[in-house]
C-alpha atoms as a PDB file:
ATOM      1  CA  MET A   1      35.383 123.322   5.359  1.00  0.00           C
ATOM      2  CA  ILE A   2      35.941 119.882   6.810  1.00  0.00           C
ATOM      3  CA  ASP A   3      32.998 117.839   8.094  1.00  0.00           C
ATOM      4  CA  ARG A   4      33.949 116.853  11.618  1.00  0.00           C
ATOM      5  CA  ALA A   5      31.387 114.048  11.777  1.00  0.00           C
ATOM      6  CA  GLN A   6      33.301 112.138   9.179  1.00  0.00           C
ATOM      7  CA  SER A   7      36.760 112.821  10.428  1.00  0.00           C
ATOM      8  CA  SER A   8      39.369 110.362   9.266  1.00  0.00           C
ATOM      9  CA  LYS A   9      40.770 110.101  12.802  1.00  0.00           C
ATOM     10  CA  ILE A  10      37.668 108.287  14.181  1.00  0.00           C
ATOM     11  CA  GLU A  11      37.544 104.608  13.462  1.00  0.00           C
ATOM     12  CA  CYS A  12      34.499 102.415  14.165  1.00  0.00           C
ATOM     13  CA  TYR A  13      34.533  98.667  14.447  1.00  0.00           C
ATOM     14  CA  ASN A  14      31.709  96.205  14.869  1.00  0.00           C
ATOM     15  CA  LEU A  15      32.879  93.931  17.733  1.00  0.00           C
ATOM     16  CA  PRO A  16      30.793  91.068  19.122  1.00  0.00           C
ATOM     17  CA  GLU A  17      29.970  91.504  22.800  1.00  0.00           C
ATOM     18  CA  ASP A  18      31.335  89.058  25.323  1.00  0.00           C
ATOM     19  CA  LYS A  19      27.966  88.496  27.025  1.00  0.00           C
ATOM     20  CA  PRO A  20      26.998  84.908  27.750  1.00  0.00           C
ATOM     21  CA  ALA A  21      23.847  83.555  26.208  1.00  0.00           C
ATOM     22  CA  ALA A  22      20.817  84.255  28.375  1.00  0.00           C
ATOM     23  CA  LYS A  23      19.394  81.176  30.093  1.00  0.00           C
ATOM     24  CA  PRO A  24      15.627  80.819  30.386  1.00  0.00           C
ATOM     25  CA  ASN A  25      14.376  81.568  33.891  1.00  0.00           C
ATOM     26  CA  PRO A  26      13.631  78.190  35.545  1.00  0.00           C
ATOM     27  CA  PHE A  27      11.344  79.576  38.270  1.00  0.00           C
ATOM     28  CA  LYS A  28       7.575  79.774  38.231  1.00  0.00           C
ATOM     29  CA  ILE A  29       5.343  82.147  40.174  1.00  0.00           C
ATOM     30  CA  GLY A  30       4.295  80.576  43.478  1.00  0.00           C
ATOM     31  CA  GLU A  31       7.304  78.236  43.645  1.00  0.00           C
ATOM     32  CA  GLN A  32       9.186  77.925  46.951  1.00  0.00           C
ATOM     33  CA  VAL A  33      12.810  79.069  46.750  1.00  0.00           C
ATOM     34  CA  ARG A  34      15.863  79.890  48.869  1.00  0.00           C
ATOM     35  CA  LEU A  35      19.121  81.740  48.343  1.00  0.00           C
ATOM     36  CA  ARG A  36      22.043  79.547  47.297  1.00  0.00           C
ATOM     37  CA  ASP A  37      24.332  80.949  49.994  1.00  0.00           C
ATOM     38  CA  GLY A  38      21.837  79.941  52.699  1.00  0.00           C
ATOM     39  CA  THR A  39      21.214  83.436  54.061  1.00  0.00           C
ATOM     40  CA  ALA A  40      17.474  83.252  53.355  1.00  0.00           C
ATOM     41  CA  THR A  41      15.023  80.378  53.011  1.00  0.00           C
ATOM     42  CA  ASN A  42      11.262  79.902  52.730  1.00  0.00           C
ATOM     43  CA  GLY A  43      10.753  82.371  49.916  1.00  0.00           C
ATOM     44  CA  ILE A  44       7.937  82.373  47.373  1.00  0.00           C
ATOM     45  CA  VAL A  45       8.369  83.629  43.809  1.00  0.00           C
ATOM     46  CA  ARG A  46       6.018  86.576  43.201  1.00  0.00           C
ATOM     47  CA  GLY A  47       7.279  87.615  39.777  1.00  0.00           C
ATOM     48  CA  VAL A  48       9.744  86.816  36.990  1.00  0.00           C
ATOM     49  CA  LEU A  49      11.330  89.370  34.663  1.00  0.00           C
ATOM     50  CA  GLY A  50      14.100  88.138  32.365  1.00  0.00           C
ATOM     51  CA  SER A  51      16.805  86.697  34.574  1.00  0.00           C
ATOM     52  CA  GLU A  52      15.462  88.406  37.716  1.00  0.00           C
ATOM     53  CA  VAL A  53      13.138  86.789  40.254  1.00  0.00           C
ATOM     54  CA  LEU A  54      10.867  88.725  42.661  1.00  0.00           C
ATOM     55  CA  ILE A  55      10.790  86.868  45.992  1.00  0.00           C
ATOM     56  CA  ALA A  56       8.663  87.415  49.110  1.00  0.00           C
ATOM     57  CA  TRP A  57      10.461  85.965  52.129  1.00  0.00           C
ATOM     58  CA  ASP A  58       8.580  84.226  54.914  1.00  0.00           C
ATOM     59  CA  GLY A  59       9.198  85.964  58.234  1.00  0.00           C
ATOM     60  CA  ILE A  60      10.784  89.078  56.684  1.00  0.00           C
ATOM     61  CA  PRO A  61       8.461  92.091  56.657  1.00  0.00           C
ATOM     62  CA  GLY A  62       8.501  94.507  53.740  1.00  0.00           C
ATOM     63  CA  ASP A  63       8.159  94.393  50.007  1.00  0.00           C
ATOM     64  CA  PRO A  64       9.352  91.404  47.955  1.00  0.00           C
ATOM     65  CA  GLN A  65      12.936  91.731  46.664  1.00  0.00           C
ATOM     66  CA  TRP A  66      14.440  91.145  43.220  1.00  0.00           C
ATOM     67  CA  HIS A  67      17.264  88.601  42.970  1.00  0.00           C
ATOM     68  CA  HIS A  68      19.210  87.279  39.977  1.00  0.00           C
ATOM     69  CA  GLN A  69      18.225  83.710  39.038  1.00  0.00           C
ATOM     70  CA  ASP A  70      21.806  82.480  39.510  1.00  0.00           C
ATOM     71  CA  TYR A  71      21.664  83.325  43.240  1.00  0.00           C
ATOM     72  CA  VAL A  72      18.359  81.492  43.826  1.00  0.00           C
ATOM     73  CA  SER A  73      17.608  77.779  43.965  1.00  0.00           C
ATOM     74  CA  ALA A  74      14.362  75.858  44.294  1.00  0.00           C
ATOM     75  CA  GLU A  75      13.433  74.845  47.842  1.00  0.00           C
ATOM     76  CA  LYS A  76      13.601  71.085  48.273  1.00  0.00           C
ATOM     77  CA  LYS A  77      10.291  69.376  48.806  1.00  0.00           C
ATOM     78  CA  PRO A  78       9.737  67.741  52.233  1.00  0.00           C
ATOM     79  CA  LEU A  79      10.114  64.207  50.842  1.00  0.00           C
ATOM     80  CA  GLU A  80      13.392  65.092  49.094  1.00  0.00           C
ATOM     81  CA  ARG A  81      14.656  66.743  52.272  1.00  0.00           C
ATOM     82  CA  GLU A  82      13.945  63.607  54.321  1.00  0.00           C
ATOM     83  CA  ARG A  83      15.722  61.376  51.830  1.00  0.00           C
ATOM     84  CA  ALA A  84      18.707  63.696  51.442  1.00  0.00           C
ATOM     85  CA  ALA A  85      19.160  64.344  55.157  1.00  0.00           C
ATOM     86  CA  PRO A  86      22.023  62.451  56.745  1.00  0.00           C
ATOM     87  CA  PRO A  87      21.004  59.986  59.433  1.00  0.00           C
ATOM     88  CA  ALA A  88      20.633  61.578  62.842  1.00  0.00           C
ATOM     89  CA  SER A  89      22.921  60.676  65.678  1.00  0.00           C
ATOM     90  CA  ALA A  90      21.930  57.777  67.900  1.00  0.00           C
ATOM     91  CA  SER A  91      20.632  60.117  70.616  1.00  0.00           C
ATOM     92  CA  GLU A  92      18.219  61.783  68.169  1.00  0.00           C
ATOM     93  CA  TYR A  93      16.979  58.544  66.596  1.00  0.00           C
ATOM     94  CA  LYS A  94      13.206  58.179  66.761  1.00  0.00           C
ATOM     95  CA  PRO A  95      11.627  54.846  65.820  1.00  0.00           C
ATOM     96  CA  GLU A  96       8.575  54.635  63.603  1.00  0.00           C
ATOM     97  CA  VAL A  97       5.256  55.316  65.265  1.00  0.00           C
ATOM     98  CA  ARG A  98       3.459  52.064  66.005  1.00  0.00           C
ATOM     99  CA  PRO A  99      -0.118  51.591  67.189  1.00  0.00           C
ATOM    100  CA  ASN A 100      -0.362  51.731  70.958  1.00  0.00           C
ATOM    101  CA  PRO A 101      -0.667  48.105  72.203  1.00  0.00           C
ATOM    102  CA  PHE A 102      -2.030  49.017  75.638  1.00  0.00           C
ATOM    103  CA  LYS A 103      -5.659  49.223  76.756  1.00  0.00           C
ATOM    104  CA  ILE A 104      -7.159  51.319  79.534  1.00  0.00           C
ATOM    105  CA  GLY A 105      -7.253  49.309  82.759  1.00  0.00           C
ATOM    106  CA  GLU A 106      -4.394  47.003  81.707  1.00  0.00           C
ATOM    107  CA  ALA A 107      -1.676  46.160  84.264  1.00  0.00           C
ATOM    108  CA  VAL A 108       1.763  47.443  83.209  1.00  0.00           C
ATOM    109  CA  ARG A 109       5.306  48.018  84.465  1.00  0.00           C
ATOM    110  CA  LEU A 110       8.366  49.992  83.336  1.00  0.00           C
ATOM    111  CA  ARG A 111      10.848  48.159  81.089  1.00  0.00           C
ATOM    112  CA  ASP A 112      13.813  49.103  83.244  1.00  0.00           C
ATOM    113  CA  GLY A 113      12.150  47.560  86.316  1.00  0.00           C
ATOM    114  CA  THR A 114      12.067  50.734  88.420  1.00  0.00           C
ATOM    115  CA  ALA A 115       8.280  50.632  88.803  1.00  0.00           C
ATOM    116  CA  ALA A 116       5.677  47.859  88.663  1.00  0.00           C
ATOM    117  CA  ASN A 117       1.993  47.354  89.491  1.00  0.00           C
ATOM    118  CA  GLY A 118       0.774  50.209  87.314  1.00  0.00           C
ATOM    119  CA  VAL A 119      -2.616  50.570  85.673  1.00  0.00           C
ATOM    120  CA  VAL A 120      -3.184  52.341  82.352  1.00  0.00           C
ATOM    121  CA  THR A 121      -5.609  55.229  82.921  1.00  0.00           C
ATOM    122  CA  ALA A 122      -5.413  56.977  79.532  1.00  0.00           C
ATOM    123  CA  ILE A 123      -3.858  56.678  76.069  1.00  0.00           C
ATOM    124  CA  PHE A 124      -2.927  59.509  73.712  1.00  0.00           C
ATOM    125  CA  GLY A 125      -1.075  58.560  70.499  1.00  0.00           C
ATOM    126  CA  ASN A 126       2.071  56.743  71.574  1.00  0.00           C
ATOM    127  CA  GLU A 127       1.857  58.061  75.158  1.00  0.00           C
ATOM    128  CA  VAL A 128       0.394  56.051  78.050  1.00  0.00           C
ATOM    129  CA  ARG A 129      -0.826  57.559  81.338  1.00  0.00           C
ATOM    130  CA  ILE A 130      -0.146  55.247  84.267  1.00  0.00           C
ATOM    131  CA  ALA A 131      -1.309  55.290  87.886  1.00  0.00           C
ATOM    132  CA  TRP A 132       1.163  53.417  90.094  1.00  0.00           C
ATOM    133  CA  ASP A 133      -0.094  51.456  93.119  1.00  0.00           C
ATOM    134  CA  SER A 134       2.952  52.267  95.235  1.00  0.00           C
ATOM    135  CA  VAL A 135       3.380  55.922  94.160  1.00  0.00           C
ATOM    136  CA  PRO A 136       1.002  58.548  95.568  1.00  0.00           C
ATOM    137  CA  GLY A 137      -0.006  61.482  93.394  1.00  0.00           C
ATOM    138  CA  GLU A 138      -1.407  61.980  89.929  1.00  0.00           C
ATOM    139  CA  PRO A 139      -0.860  59.439  87.127  1.00  0.00           C
ATOM    140  CA  GLN A 140       2.128  60.138  84.878  1.00  0.00           C
ATOM    141  CA  TRP A 141       2.585  60.036  81.102  1.00  0.00           C
ATOM    142  CA  TYR A 142       5.174  57.678  79.557  1.00  0.00           C
ATOM    143  CA  PRO A 143       6.104  56.814  75.938  1.00  0.00           C
ATOM    144  CA  GLN A 144       4.780  53.368  74.986  1.00  0.00           C
ATOM    145  CA  ASP A 145       8.359  52.174  74.330  1.00  0.00           C
ATOM    146  CA  PHE A 146       9.185  52.485  78.054  1.00  0.00           C
ATOM    147  CA  ILE A 147       6.230  50.322  79.171  1.00  0.00           C
ATOM    148  CA  LEU A 148       5.632  46.557  79.226  1.00  0.00           C
ATOM    149  CA  ALA A 149       2.415  44.684  79.922  1.00  0.00           C
ATOM    150  CA  GLU A 150       2.527  43.087  83.357  1.00  0.00           C
ATOM    151  CA  LYS A 151       3.061  39.353  83.054  1.00  0.00           C
ATOM    152  CA  LYS A 152       0.036  37.452  84.271  1.00  0.00           C
ATOM    153  CA  PRO A 153       0.383  34.609  86.799  1.00  0.00           C
ATOM    154  CA  ALA A 154       0.472  31.033  85.445  1.00  0.00           C
ATOM    155  CA  GLU A 155      -3.109  30.419  86.638  1.00  0.00           C
ATOM    156  CA  SER A 156      -4.535  32.930  84.204  1.00  0.00           C
ATOM    157  CA  ALA A 157      -2.547  31.381  81.352  1.00  0.00           C
ATOM    158  CA  ARG A 158      -4.620  28.177  81.566  1.00  0.00           C
ATOM    159  CA  ALA A 159      -7.489  27.474  79.186  1.00  0.00           C
ATOM    160  CA  PRO A 160     -10.592  29.622  79.790  1.00  0.00           C
ATOM    161  CA  GLN A 161     -13.282  28.140  81.993  1.00  0.00           C
ATOM    162  CA  GLU A 162     -16.531  26.815  80.584  1.00  0.00           C
ATOM    163  CA  ASN A 163     -18.685  29.359  82.443  1.00  0.00           C
ATOM    164  CA  GLN A 164     -17.022  32.319  80.730  1.00  0.00           C
ATOM    165  CA  THR A 165     -19.601  34.799  79.437  1.00  0.00           C
ATOM    166  CA  GLU A 166     -19.926  35.764  75.802  1.00  0.00           C
ATOM    167  CA  PRO A 167     -18.871  39.454  76.185  1.00  0.00           C
ATOM    168  CA  ASP A 168     -15.529  38.341  77.684  1.00  0.00           C
ATOM    169  CA  ILE A 169     -14.846  36.190  74.608  1.00  0.00           C
ATOM    170  CA  VAL A 170     -15.694  39.098  72.322  1.00  0.00           C
ATOM    171  CA  ASP A 171     -13.438  41.386  74.375  1.00  0.00           C
ATOM    172  CA  GLN A 172     -10.545  38.917  74.121  1.00  0.00           C
ATOM    173  CA  ALA A 173     -11.082  38.537  70.362  1.00  0.00           C
ATOM    174  CA  CYS A 174     -11.045  42.315  69.923  1.00  0.00           C
ATOM    175  CA  ARG A 175      -7.775  42.582  71.858  1.00  0.00           C
ATOM    176  CA  LEU A 176      -6.271  39.772  69.797  1.00  0.00           C
ATOM    177  CA  VAL A 177      -7.264  41.435  66.500  1.00  0.00           C
ATOM    178  CA  ALA A 178      -5.956  44.813  67.737  1.00  0.00           C
ATOM    179  CA  ARG A 179      -2.492  43.331  68.354  1.00  0.00           C
ATOM    180  CA  MET A 180      -2.246  41.825  64.854  1.00  0.00           C
ATOM    181  CA  ASP A 181      -0.479  43.559  61.995  1.00  0.00           C
ATOM    182  CA  ASP A 182      -2.370  44.215  58.751  1.00  0.00           C
ATOM    183  CA  ASN A 183      -1.380  40.950  57.040  1.00  0.00           C
ATOM    184  CA  GLN A 184      -2.340  38.811  60.045  1.00  0.00           C
ATOM    185  CA  ARG A 185      -5.618  40.695  60.397  1.00  0.00           C
ATOM    186  CA  GLN A 186      -6.522  40.120  56.721  1.00  0.00           C
ATOM    187  CA  ARG A 187      -5.760  36.372  56.947  1.00  0.00           C
ATOM    188  CA  PHE A 188      -7.738  36.103  60.212  1.00  0.00           C
ATOM    189  CA  LEU A 189     -10.806  37.822  58.718  1.00  0.00           C
ATOM    190  CA  ALA A 190     -10.626  35.652  55.578  1.00  0.00           C
ATOM    191  CA  ARG A 191     -10.530  32.514  57.702  1.00  0.00           C
ATOM    192  CA  ILE A 192     -13.504  33.678  59.800  1.00  0.00           C
ATOM    193  CA  ARG A 193     -15.494  34.432  56.640  1.00  0.00           C
ATOM    194  CA  ALA A 194     -14.657  31.010  55.201  1.00  0.00           C
ATOM    195  CA  THR A 195     -15.634  29.291  58.461  1.00  0.00           C
ATOM    196  CA  CYS A 196     -18.992  31.115  58.671  1.00  0.00           C
ATOM    197  CA  LYS A 197     -20.026  30.149  55.108  1.00  0.00           C
END
């Protein structure tokens, strides 16, 4: 009787498999990720198993989903995103936020000349609320970049009078210091300290 298990017709070979070498999984639990094709963003890694990544997506209800590591990339950090972003068009350009140079009660006008004789009634960040003398109704909010301080007449530009009270001098000094940048302010304070010694 012939043993069928060792039939001479069956040949066995030991062939190496054509599988690529496994890469270590680069993701860590808690890391922010997105899909490479852009179909999903704002995901958080909840688990890692071999080359698979368990991701919980922000804004998508349900259980976290498993994705292969090759289809997932790390979410760029906010600073990297700002640096990598192409410059916005001229209409979307926003200048850096500067300290608001206006004070409540100060006389102002619009830069384009459409309105004058306004008084600052409130300040919020880089917005200025202005009550116009010639316009009835509630005061309106404007960005500080659209406003200019009203030019004072030549009489007020002269040297201060001798009978000026001390609080007015302190108020003027405070306004002067508020308009200085950091370097000017540091030099001014150093000079005052040196003078007082």
